[in-house]
Amino acid sequence: MAATSPKAATVTLKHLAADLAEKHKIAKKQAETILNDLVDLITAQLKKGTRVRMVGLGILQVRNRAARMGRNPATGAPIQIKASKKVAFRAAKELKEAV
């Protein structure tokens, strides 16, 4: 019988900011502000439809999903699923190899 693996821990922006602050000897609040500004900049670029490429991490881009027919899982009745935009992430080769 295989042992179940423990649930993976979640790292938040606050955790990343604390590590960044310690590594670069800056205030935690300043590191947190920088990370929040980075998230805001990435969001703004994605809203404009621009691809965001981060070397060593990957590419974020908005993809359009066409309207399509689906099924209600409870009743099996066909339903129309409207078109939408989704954020897609494609991992960089370096990230794939590191993980």
PDB file of N, CA and C in Angstrom:
ATOM      1  N   MET A   1       0.835  -1.170   0.000  1.00  0.00           N
ATOM      2  CA  MET A   1       0.000   0.000   0.000  1.00  0.00           C
ATOM      3  C   MET A   1       0.888   1.243   0.000  1.00  0.00           C
ATOM      4  N   ALA A   2       0.618   2.144  -0.934  1.00  0.00           N
ATOM      5  CA  ALA A   2       1.434   3.348  -1.071  1.00  0.00           C
ATOM      6  C   ALA A   2       1.047   4.381  -0.022  1.00  0.00           C
ATOM      7  N   ALA A   3       2.059   5.057   0.503  1.00  0.00           N
ATOM      8  CA  ALA A   3       1.809   6.101   1.491  1.00  0.00           C
ATOM      9  C   ALA A   3       1.330   7.354   0.769  1.00  0.00           C
ATOM     10  N   THR A   4       0.362   8.050   1.351  1.00  0.00           N
ATOM     11  CA  THR A   4      -0.120   9.287   0.742  1.00  0.00           C
ATOM     12  C   THR A   4       0.861  10.401   1.057  1.00  0.00           C
ATOM     13  N   SER A   5       1.084  11.256   0.070  1.00  0.00           N
ATOM     14  CA  SER A   5       2.023  12.354   0.277  1.00  0.00           C
ATOM     15  C   SER A   5       1.331  13.469   1.048  1.00  0.00           C
ATOM     16  N   PRO A   6       2.093  14.193   1.882  1.00  0.00           N
ATOM     17  CA  PRO A   6       1.492  15.302   2.633  1.00  0.00           C
ATOM     18  C   PRO A   6       1.109  16.426   1.678  1.00  0.00           C
ATOM     19  N   LYS A   7       0.123  17.215   2.080  1.00  0.00           N
ATOM     20  CA  LYS A   7      -0.347  18.321   1.256  1.00  0.00           C
ATOM     21  C   LYS A   7       0.772  19.354   1.099  1.00  0.00           C
ATOM     22  N   ALA A   8       0.947  19.843  -0.117  1.00  0.00           N
ATOM     23  CA  ALA A   8       1.993  20.819  -0.399  1.00  0.00           C
ATOM     24  C   ALA A   8       1.679  22.143   0.296  1.00  0.00           C
ATOM     25  N   ALA A   9       2.714  22.774   0.817  1.00  0.00           N
ATOM     26  CA  ALA A   9       2.555  24.062   1.487  1.00  0.00           C
ATOM     27  C   ALA A   9       2.295  25.156   0.446  1.00  0.00           C
ATOM     28  N   THR A  10       1.618  26.204   0.861  1.00  0.00           N
ATOM     29  CA  THR A  10       1.335  27.339  -0.014  1.00  0.00           C
ATOM     30  C   THR A  10       2.235  28.502   0.367  1.00  0.00           C
ATOM     31  N   VAL A  11       2.878  29.083  -0.625  1.00  0.00           N
ATOM     32  CA  VAL A  11       3.726  30.253  -0.414  1.00  0.00           C
ATOM     33  C   VAL A  11       2.979  31.464  -0.951  1.00  0.00           C
ATOM     34  N   THR A  12       2.827  32.491  -0.127  1.00  0.00           N
ATOM     35  CA  THR A  12       2.103  33.699  -0.519  1.00  0.00           C
ATOM     36  C   THR A  12       3.085  34.811  -0.905  1.00  0.00           C
ATOM     37  N   LEU A  13       2.533  35.922  -1.402  1.00  0.00           N
ATOM     38  CA  LEU A  13       3.382  37.066  -1.723  1.00  0.00           C
ATOM     39  C   LEU A  13       4.106  37.579  -0.481  1.00  0.00           C
ATOM     40  N   LYS A  14       3.464  37.482   0.691  1.00  0.00           N
ATOM     41  CA  LYS A  14       4.112  37.929   1.931  1.00  0.00           C
ATOM     42  C   LYS A  14       5.349  37.074   2.230  1.00  0.00           C
ATOM     43  N   HIS A  15       5.241  35.752   2.002  1.00  0.00           N
ATOM     44  CA  HIS A  15       6.397  34.873   2.216  1.00  0.00           C
ATOM     45  C   HIS A  15       7.525  35.212   1.235  1.00  0.00           C
ATOM     46  N   LEU A  16       7.152  35.410  -0.027  1.00  0.00           N
ATOM     47  CA  LEU A  16       8.158  35.764  -1.038  1.00  0.00           C
ATOM     48  C   LEU A  16       8.804  37.099  -0.719  1.00  0.00           C
ATOM     49  N   ALA A  17       8.002  38.065  -0.262  1.00  0.00           N
ATOM     50  CA  ALA A  17       8.526  39.384   0.088  1.00  0.00           C
ATOM     51  C   ALA A  17       9.500  39.284   1.257  1.00  0.00           C
ATOM     52  N   ALA A  18       9.180  38.453   2.240  1.00  0.00           N
ATOM     53  CA  ALA A  18      10.074  38.289   3.389  1.00  0.00           C
ATOM     54  C   ALA A  18      11.408  37.695   2.956  1.00  0.00           C
ATOM     55  N   ASP A  19      11.366  36.688   2.077  1.00  0.00           N
ATOM     56  CA  ASP A  19      12.606  36.083   1.575  1.00  0.00           C
ATOM     57  C   ASP A  19      13.406  37.077   0.745  1.00  0.00           C
ATOM     58  N   LEU A  20      12.712  37.848  -0.083  1.00  0.00           N
ATOM     59  CA  LEU A  20      13.359  38.848  -0.921  1.00  0.00           C
ATOM     60  C   LEU A  20      14.001  39.940  -0.063  1.00  0.00           C
ATOM     61  N   ALA A  21      13.290  40.370   0.971  1.00  0.00           N
ATOM     62  CA  ALA A  21      13.804  41.407   1.869  1.00  0.00           C
ATOM     63  C   ALA A  21      15.064  40.931   2.583  1.00  0.00           C
ATOM     64  N   GLU A  22      15.046  39.689   3.032  1.00  0.00           N
ATOM     65  CA  GLU A  22      16.205  39.140   3.738  1.00  0.00           C
ATOM     66  C   GLU A  22      17.402  39.000   2.797  1.00  0.00           C
ATOM     67  N   LYS A  23      17.150  38.523   1.582  1.00  0.00           N
ATOM     68  CA  LYS A  23      18.230  38.302   0.618  1.00  0.00           C
ATOM     69  C   LYS A  23      18.889  39.599   0.181  1.00  0.00           C
ATOM     70  N   HIS A  24      18.072  40.659  -0.001  1.00  0.00           N
ATOM     71  CA  HIS A  24      18.604  41.925  -0.505  1.00  0.00           C
ATOM     72  C   HIS A  24      18.743  42.998   0.570  1.00  0.00           C
ATOM     73  N   LYS A  25      18.517  42.616   1.807  1.00  0.00           N
ATOM     74  CA  LYS A  25      18.681  43.512   2.955  1.00  0.00           C
ATOM     75  C   LYS A  25      17.875  44.808   2.781  1.00  0.00           C
ATOM     76  N   ILE A  26      16.577  44.629   2.488  1.00  0.00           N
ATOM     77  CA  ILE A  26      15.655  45.761   2.418  1.00  0.00           C
ATOM     78  C   ILE A  26      14.490  45.477   3.361  1.00  0.00           C
ATOM     79  N   ALA A  27      13.676  46.477   3.596  1.00  0.00           N
ATOM     80  CA  ALA A  27      12.539  46.313   4.499  1.00  0.00           C
ATOM     81  C   ALA A  27      11.501  45.370   3.884  1.00  0.00           C
ATOM     82  N   LYS A  28      10.839  44.582   4.737  1.00  0.00           N
ATOM     83  CA  LYS A  28       9.809  43.652   4.259  1.00  0.00           C
ATOM     84  C   LYS A  28       8.689  44.414   3.559  1.00  0.00           C
ATOM     85  N   LYS A  29       8.311  45.556   4.107  1.00  0.00           N
ATOM     86  CA  LYS A  29       7.233  46.359   3.533  1.00  0.00           C
ATOM     87  C   LYS A  29       7.615  46.827   2.129  1.00  0.00           C
ATOM     88  N   GLN A  30       8.860  47.193   1.945  1.00  0.00           N
ATOM     89  CA  GLN A  30       9.342  47.659   0.642  1.00  0.00           C
ATOM     90  C   GLN A  30       9.332  46.497  -0.363  1.00  0.00           C
ATOM     91  N   ALA A  31       9.762  45.325   0.060  1.00  0.00           N
ATOM     92  CA  ALA A  31       9.761  44.149  -0.811  1.00  0.00           C
ATOM     93  C   ALA A  31       8.334  43.766  -1.187  1.00  0.00           C
ATOM     94  N   GLU A  32       7.419  43.869  -0.217  1.00  0.00           N
ATOM     95  CA  GLU A  32       6.012  43.549  -0.474  1.00  0.00           C
ATOM     96  C   GLU A  32       5.417  44.534  -1.488  1.00  0.00           C
ATOM     97  N   THR A  33       5.763  45.797  -1.360  1.00  0.00           N
ATOM     98  CA  THR A  33       5.293  46.821  -2.291  1.00  0.00           C
ATOM     99  C   THR A  33       5.796  46.533  -3.702  1.00  0.00           C
ATOM    100  N   ILE A  34       7.056  46.141  -3.823  1.00  0.00           N
ATOM    101  CA  ILE A  34       7.646  45.832  -5.128  1.00  0.00           C
ATOM    102  C   ILE A  34       6.910  44.651  -5.773  1.00  0.00           C
ATOM    103  N   LEU A  35       6.658  43.591  -5.005  1.00  0.00           N
ATOM    104  CA  LEU A  35       5.958  42.431  -5.548  1.00  0.00           C
ATOM    105  C   LEU A  35       4.519  42.765  -5.945  1.00  0.00           C
ATOM    106  N   ASN A  36       3.839  43.558  -5.127  1.00  0.00           N
ATOM    107  CA  ASN A  36       2.467  43.967  -5.463  1.00  0.00           C
ATOM    108  C   ASN A  36       2.448  44.812  -6.732  1.00  0.00           C
ATOM    109  N   ASP A  37       3.445  45.696  -6.891  1.00  0.00           N
ATOM    110  CA  ASP A  37       3.544  46.508  -8.105  1.00  0.00           C
ATOM    111  C   ASP A  37       3.816  45.623  -9.322  1.00  0.00           C
ATOM    112  N   LEU A  38       4.623  44.581  -9.155  1.00  0.00           N
ATOM    113  CA  LEU A  38       4.908  43.649 -10.241  1.00  0.00           C
ATOM    114  C   LEU A  38       3.628  42.943 -10.686  1.00  0.00           C
ATOM    115  N   VAL A  39       2.838  42.491  -9.735  1.00  0.00           N
ATOM    116  CA  VAL A  39       1.559  41.835 -10.054  1.00  0.00           C
ATOM    117  C   VAL A  39       0.644  42.813 -10.797  1.00  0.00           C
ATOM    118  N   ASP A  40       0.586  44.066 -10.349  1.00  0.00           N
ATOM    119  CA  ASP A  40      -0.246  45.074 -11.007  1.00  0.00           C
ATOM    120  C   ASP A  40       0.218  45.328 -12.445  1.00  0.00           C
ATOM    121  N   LEU A  41       1.535  45.399 -12.652  1.00  0.00           N
ATOM    122  CA  LEU A  41       2.073  45.628 -13.995  1.00  0.00           C
ATOM    123  C   LEU A  41       1.765  44.457 -14.926  1.00  0.00           C
ATOM    124  N   ILE A  42       1.913  43.238 -14.437  1.00  0.00           N
ATOM    125  CA  ILE A  42       1.615  42.052 -15.245  1.00  0.00           C
ATOM    126  C   ILE A  42       0.138  42.023 -15.600  1.00  0.00           C
ATOM    127  N   THR A  43      -0.727  42.324 -14.621  1.00  0.00           N
ATOM    128  CA  THR A  43      -2.170  42.353 -14.865  1.00  0.00           C
ATOM    129  C   THR A  43      -2.522  43.383 -15.926  1.00  0.00           C
ATOM    130  N   ALA A  44      -1.923  44.563 -15.858  1.00  0.00           N
ATOM    131  CA  ALA A  44      -2.205  45.624 -16.831  1.00  0.00           C
ATOM    132  C   ALA A  44      -1.783  45.195 -18.236  1.00  0.00           C
ATOM    133  N   GLN A  45      -0.634  44.545 -18.345  1.00  0.00           N
ATOM    134  CA  GLN A  45      -0.169  44.088 -19.660  1.00  0.00           C
ATOM    135  C   GLN A  45      -1.089  43.009 -20.229  1.00  0.00           C
ATOM    136  N   LEU A  46      -1.540  42.094 -19.378  1.00  0.00           N
ATOM    137  CA  LEU A  46      -2.444  41.036 -19.834  1.00  0.00           C
ATOM    138  C   LEU A  46      -3.792  41.617 -20.270  1.00  0.00           C
ATOM    139  N   LYS A  47      -4.268  42.653 -19.568  1.00  0.00           N
ATOM    140  CA  LYS A  47      -5.525  43.311 -19.951  1.00  0.00           C
ATOM    141  C   LYS A  47      -5.417  43.924 -21.341  1.00  0.00           C
ATOM    142  N   LYS A  48      -4.229  44.416 -21.693  1.00  0.00           N
ATOM    143  CA  LYS A  48      -4.010  45.003 -23.017  1.00  0.00           C
ATOM    144  C   LYS A  48      -3.865  43.928 -24.090  1.00  0.00           C
ATOM    145  N   GLY A  49      -3.711  42.678 -23.684  1.00  0.00           N
ATOM    146  CA  GLY A  49      -3.548  41.589 -24.642  1.00  0.00           C
ATOM    147  C   GLY A  49      -2.103  41.267 -24.956  1.00  0.00           C
ATOM    148  N   THR A  50      -1.185  41.828 -24.193  1.00  0.00           N
ATOM    149  CA  THR A  50       0.243  41.605 -24.396  1.00  0.00           C
ATOM    150  C   THR A  50       0.692  40.324 -23.713  1.00  0.00           C
ATOM    151  N   ARG A  51       1.589  39.583 -24.350  1.00  0.00           N
ATOM    152  CA  ARG A  51       2.194  38.418 -23.700  1.00  0.00           C
ATOM    153  C   ARG A  51       3.262  38.903 -22.732  1.00  0.00           C
ATOM    154  N   VAL A  52       3.375  38.254 -21.591  1.00  0.00           N
ATOM    155  CA  VAL A  52       4.389  38.606 -20.604  1.00  0.00           C
ATOM    156  C   VAL A  52       5.353  37.434 -20.504  1.00  0.00           C
ATOM    157  N   ARG A  53       6.601  37.657 -20.894  1.00  0.00           N
ATOM    158  CA  ARG A  53       7.618  36.604 -20.885  1.00  0.00           C
ATOM    159  C   ARG A  53       8.623  36.895 -19.774  1.00  0.00           C
ATOM    160  N   MET A  54       8.751  35.954 -18.858  1.00  0.00           N
ATOM    161  CA  MET A  54       9.711  36.089 -17.766  1.00  0.00           C
ATOM    162  C   MET A  54      10.746  34.985 -17.937  1.00  0.00           C
ATOM    163  N   VAL A  55      11.962  35.387 -18.279  1.00  0.00           N
ATOM    164  CA  VAL A  55      13.024  34.438 -18.551  1.00  0.00           C
ATOM    165  C   VAL A  55      13.238  33.546 -17.333  1.00  0.00           C
ATOM    166  N   GLY A  56      13.280  32.253 -17.561  1.00  0.00           N
ATOM    167  CA  GLY A  56      13.497  31.299 -16.487  1.00  0.00           C
ATOM    168  C   GLY A  56      12.217  30.858 -15.804  1.00  0.00           C
ATOM    169  N   LEU A  57      11.125  31.597 -16.023  1.00  0.00           N
ATOM    170  CA  LEU A  57       9.851  31.255 -15.394  1.00  0.00           C
ATOM    171  C   LEU A  57       8.839  30.775 -16.427  1.00  0.00           C
ATOM    172  N   GLY A  58       8.536  31.610 -17.415  1.00  0.00           N
ATOM    173  CA  GLY A  58       7.600  31.194 -18.448  1.00  0.00           C
ATOM    174  C   GLY A  58       6.889  32.364 -19.088  1.00  0.00           C
ATOM    175  N   ILE A  59       5.804  32.042 -19.817  1.00  0.00           N
ATOM    176  CA  ILE A  59       5.043  33.041 -20.553  1.00  0.00           C
ATOM    177  C   ILE A  59       3.599  33.040 -20.062  1.00  0.00           C
ATOM    178  N   LEU A  60       3.089  34.238 -19.775  1.00  0.00           N
ATOM    179  CA  LEU A  60       1.684  34.434 -19.442  1.00  0.00           C
ATOM    180  C   LEU A  60       1.024  35.133 -20.623  1.00  0.00           C
ATOM    181  N   GLN A  61      -0.145  34.647 -21.024  1.00  0.00           N
ATOM    182  CA  GLN A  61      -0.874  35.313 -22.096  1.00  0.00           C
ATOM    183  C   GLN A  61      -2.356  35.041 -21.957  1.00  0.00           C
ATOM    184  N   VAL A  62      -3.152  35.932 -22.552  1.00  0.00           N
ATOM    185  CA  VAL A  62      -4.603  35.775 -22.521  1.00  0.00           C
ATOM    186  C   VAL A  62      -5.000  34.995 -23.771  1.00  0.00           C
ATOM    187  N   ARG A  63      -5.822  33.966 -23.569  1.00  0.00           N
ATOM    188  CA  ARG A  63      -6.332  33.181 -24.689  1.00  0.00           C
ATOM    189  C   ARG A  63      -7.848  33.307 -24.722  1.00  0.00           C
ATOM    190  N   ASN A  64      -8.373  33.454 -25.935  1.00  0.00           N
ATOM    191  CA  ASN A  64      -9.819  33.535 -26.115  1.00  0.00           C
ATOM    192  C   ASN A  64     -10.386  32.136 -26.286  1.00  0.00           C
ATOM    193  N   ARG A  65     -11.411  31.818 -25.522  1.00  0.00           N
ATOM    194  CA  ARG A  65     -12.101  30.538 -25.658  1.00  0.00           C
ATOM    195  C   ARG A  65     -13.411  30.796 -26.374  1.00  0.00           C
ATOM    196  N   ALA A  66     -13.657  30.056 -27.416  1.00  0.00           N
ATOM    197  CA  ALA A  66     -14.866  30.227 -28.220  1.00  0.00           C
ATOM    198  C   ALA A  66     -16.083  29.709 -27.466  1.00  0.00           C
ATOM    199  N   ALA A  67     -17.253  30.219 -27.857  1.00  0.00           N
ATOM    200  CA  ALA A  67     -18.509  29.713 -27.303  1.00  0.00           C
ATOM    201  C   ALA A  67     -18.659  28.260 -27.767  1.00  0.00           C
ATOM    202  N   ARG A  68     -19.266  27.431 -26.937  1.00  0.00           N
ATOM    203  CA  ARG A  68     -19.406  26.023 -27.286  1.00  0.00           C
ATOM    204  C   ARG A  68     -20.593  25.415 -26.566  1.00  0.00           C
ATOM    205  N   MET A  69     -20.978  24.249 -27.013  1.00  0.00           N
ATOM    206  CA  MET A  69     -22.062  23.516 -26.368  1.00  0.00           C
ATOM    207  C   MET A  69     -21.461  22.604 -25.297  1.00  0.00           C
ATOM    208  N   GLY A  70     -22.138  22.519 -24.169  1.00  0.00           N
ATOM    209  CA  GLY A  70     -21.713  21.640 -23.083  1.00  0.00           C
ATOM    210  C   GLY A  70     -22.916  20.896 -22.552  1.00  0.00           C
ATOM    211  N   ARG A  71     -22.725  20.146 -21.503  1.00  0.00           N
ATOM    212  CA  ARG A  71     -23.824  19.404 -20.887  1.00  0.00           C
ATOM    213  C   ARG A  71     -23.872  19.700 -19.399  1.00  0.00           C
ATOM    214  N   ASN A  72     -25.088  19.850 -18.888  1.00  0.00           N
ATOM    215  CA  ASN A  72     -25.291  19.990 -17.455  1.00  0.00           C
ATOM    216  C   ASN A  72     -25.017  18.617 -16.850  1.00  0.00           C
ATOM    217  N   PRO A  73     -24.018  18.493 -15.974  1.00  0.00           N
ATOM    218  CA  PRO A  73     -23.684  17.176 -15.445  1.00  0.00           C
ATOM    219  C   PRO A  73     -24.792  16.556 -14.592  1.00  0.00           C
ATOM    220  N   ALA A  74     -25.647  17.376 -14.017  1.00  0.00           N
ATOM    221  CA  ALA A  74     -26.712  16.847 -13.170  1.00  0.00           C
ATOM    222  C   ALA A  74     -27.868  16.269 -13.986  1.00  0.00           C
ATOM    223  N   THR A  75     -28.217  16.973 -15.072  1.00  0.00           N
ATOM    224  CA  THR A  75     -29.395  16.549 -15.840  1.00  0.00           C
ATOM    225  C   THR A  75     -29.047  15.973 -17.203  1.00  0.00           C
ATOM    226  N   GLY A  76     -27.863  16.255 -17.698  1.00  0.00           N
ATOM    227  CA  GLY A  76     -27.478  15.800 -19.026  1.00  0.00           C
ATOM    228  C   GLY A  76     -28.012  16.698 -20.132  1.00  0.00           C
ATOM    229  N   ALA A  77     -28.722  17.762 -19.770  1.00  0.00           N
ATOM    230  CA  ALA A  77     -29.289  18.679 -20.757  1.00  0.00           C
ATOM    231  C   ALA A  77     -28.190  19.506 -21.411  1.00  0.00           C
ATOM    232  N   PRO A  78     -28.283  19.741 -22.724  1.00  0.00           N
ATOM    233  CA  PRO A  78     -27.276  20.575 -23.388  1.00  0.00           C
ATOM    234  C   PRO A  78     -27.414  22.037 -22.950  1.00  0.00           C
ATOM    235  N   ILE A  79     -26.278  22.692 -22.777  1.00  0.00           N
ATOM    236  CA  ILE A  79     -26.275  24.108 -22.413  1.00  0.00           C
ATOM    237  C   ILE A  79     -25.266  24.838 -23.292  1.00  0.00           C
ATOM    238  N   GLN A  80     -25.492  26.118 -23.507  1.00  0.00           N
ATOM    239  CA  GLN A  80     -24.574  26.951 -24.278  1.00  0.00           C
ATOM    240  C   GLN A  80     -23.573  27.580 -23.304  1.00  0.00           C
ATOM    241  N   ILE A  81     -22.292  27.359 -23.548  1.00  0.00           N
ATOM    242  CA  ILE A  81     -21.234  27.971 -22.737  1.00  0.00           C
ATOM    243  C   ILE A  81     -20.726  29.171 -23.530  1.00  0.00           C
ATOM    244  N   LYS A  82     -20.782  30.350 -22.917  1.00  0.00           N
ATOM    245  CA  LYS A  82     -20.412  31.570 -23.634  1.00  0.00           C
ATOM    246  C   LYS A  82     -18.895  31.685 -23.813  1.00  0.00           C
ATOM    247  N   ALA A  83     -18.495  32.490 -24.774  1.00  0.00           N
ATOM    248  CA  ALA A  83     -17.079  32.747 -25.038  1.00  0.00           C
ATOM    249  C   ALA A  83     -16.464  33.450 -23.834  1.00  0.00           C
ATOM    250  N   SER A  84     -15.176  33.212 -23.593  1.00  0.00           N
ATOM    251  CA  SER A  84     -14.507  33.831 -22.452  1.00  0.00           C
ATOM    252  C   SER A  84     -13.027  34.000 -22.742  1.00  0.00           C
ATOM    253  N   LYS A  85     -12.383  34.747 -21.864  1.00  0.00           N
ATOM    254  CA  LYS A  85     -10.933  34.931 -21.932  1.00  0.00           C
ATOM    255  C   LYS A  85     -10.325  34.234 -20.735  1.00  0.00           C
ATOM    256  N   LYS A  86      -9.225  33.525 -20.953  1.00  0.00           N
ATOM    257  CA  LYS A  86      -8.530  32.810 -19.888  1.00  0.00           C
ATOM    258  C   LYS A  86      -7.056  33.173 -19.918  1.00  0.00           C
ATOM    259  N   VAL A  87      -6.433  33.220 -18.743  1.00  0.00           N
ATOM    260  CA  VAL A  87      -4.998  33.449 -18.663  1.00  0.00           C
ATOM    261  C   VAL A  87      -4.322  32.085 -18.733  1.00  0.00           C
ATOM    262  N   ALA A  88      -3.378  31.969 -19.678  1.00  0.00           N
ATOM    263  CA  ALA A  88      -2.643  30.721 -19.855  1.00  0.00           C
ATOM    264  C   ALA A  88      -1.186  30.937 -19.454  1.00  0.00           C
ATOM    265  N   PHE A  89      -0.597  29.921 -18.849  1.00  0.00           N
ATOM    266  CA  PHE A  89       0.808  29.980 -18.449  1.00  0.00           C
ATOM    267  C   PHE A  89       1.530  28.810 -19.086  1.00  0.00           C
ATOM    268  N   ARG A  90       2.637  29.107 -19.756  1.00  0.00           N
ATOM    269  CA  ARG A  90       3.477  28.062 -20.324  1.00  0.00           C
ATOM    270  C   ARG A  90       4.842  28.161 -19.645  1.00  0.00           C
ATOM    271  N   ALA A  91       5.220  27.110 -18.957  1.00  0.00           N
ATOM    272  CA  ALA A  91       6.457  27.102 -18.189  1.00  0.00           C
ATOM    273  C   ALA A  91       7.678  27.120 -19.110  1.00  0.00           C
ATOM    274  N   ALA A  92       8.714  27.818 -18.678  1.00  0.00           N
ATOM    275  CA  ALA A  92       9.969  27.866 -19.423  1.00  0.00           C
ATOM    276  C   ALA A  92      10.718  26.549 -19.244  1.00  0.00           C
ATOM    277  N   LYS A  93      11.603  26.268 -20.162  1.00  0.00           N
ATOM    278  CA  LYS A  93      12.395  25.037 -20.140  1.00  0.00           C
ATOM    279  C   LYS A  93      13.190  24.937 -18.826  1.00  0.00           C
ATOM    280  N   GLU A  94      13.748  26.057 -18.390  1.00  0.00           N
ATOM    281  CA  GLU A  94      14.553  26.072 -17.162  1.00  0.00           C
ATOM    282  C   GLU A  94      13.713  25.682 -15.948  1.00  0.00           C
ATOM    283  N   LEU A  95      12.465  26.171 -15.907  1.00  0.00           N
ATOM    284  CA  LEU A  95      11.569  25.842 -14.800  1.00  0.00           C
ATOM    285  C   LEU A  95      11.195  24.363 -14.828  1.00  0.00           C
ATOM    286  N   LYS A  96      10.878  23.854 -16.006  1.00  0.00           N
ATOM    287  CA  LYS A  96      10.527  22.439 -16.143  1.00  0.00           C
ATOM    288  C   LYS A  96      11.671  21.544 -15.677  1.00  0.00           C
ATOM    289  N   GLU A  97      12.891  21.900 -16.054  1.00  0.00           N
ATOM    290  CA  GLU A  97      14.054  21.088 -15.676  1.00  0.00           C
ATOM    291  C   GLU A  97      14.341  21.181 -14.185  1.00  0.00           C
ATOM    292  N   ALA A  98      14.081  22.350 -13.590  1.00  0.00           N
ATOM    293  CA  ALA A  98      14.358  22.558 -12.171  1.00  0.00           C
ATOM    294  C   ALA A  98      13.383  21.789 -11.292  1.00  0.00           C
ATOM    295  N   VAL A  99      12.164  21.622 -11.783  1.00  0.00           N
ATOM    296  CA  VAL A  99      11.134  20.940 -11.003  1.00  0.00           C
ATOM    297  C   VAL A  99      11.208  19.479 -11.307  1.00  0.00           C
TER     298      VAL A  99
END
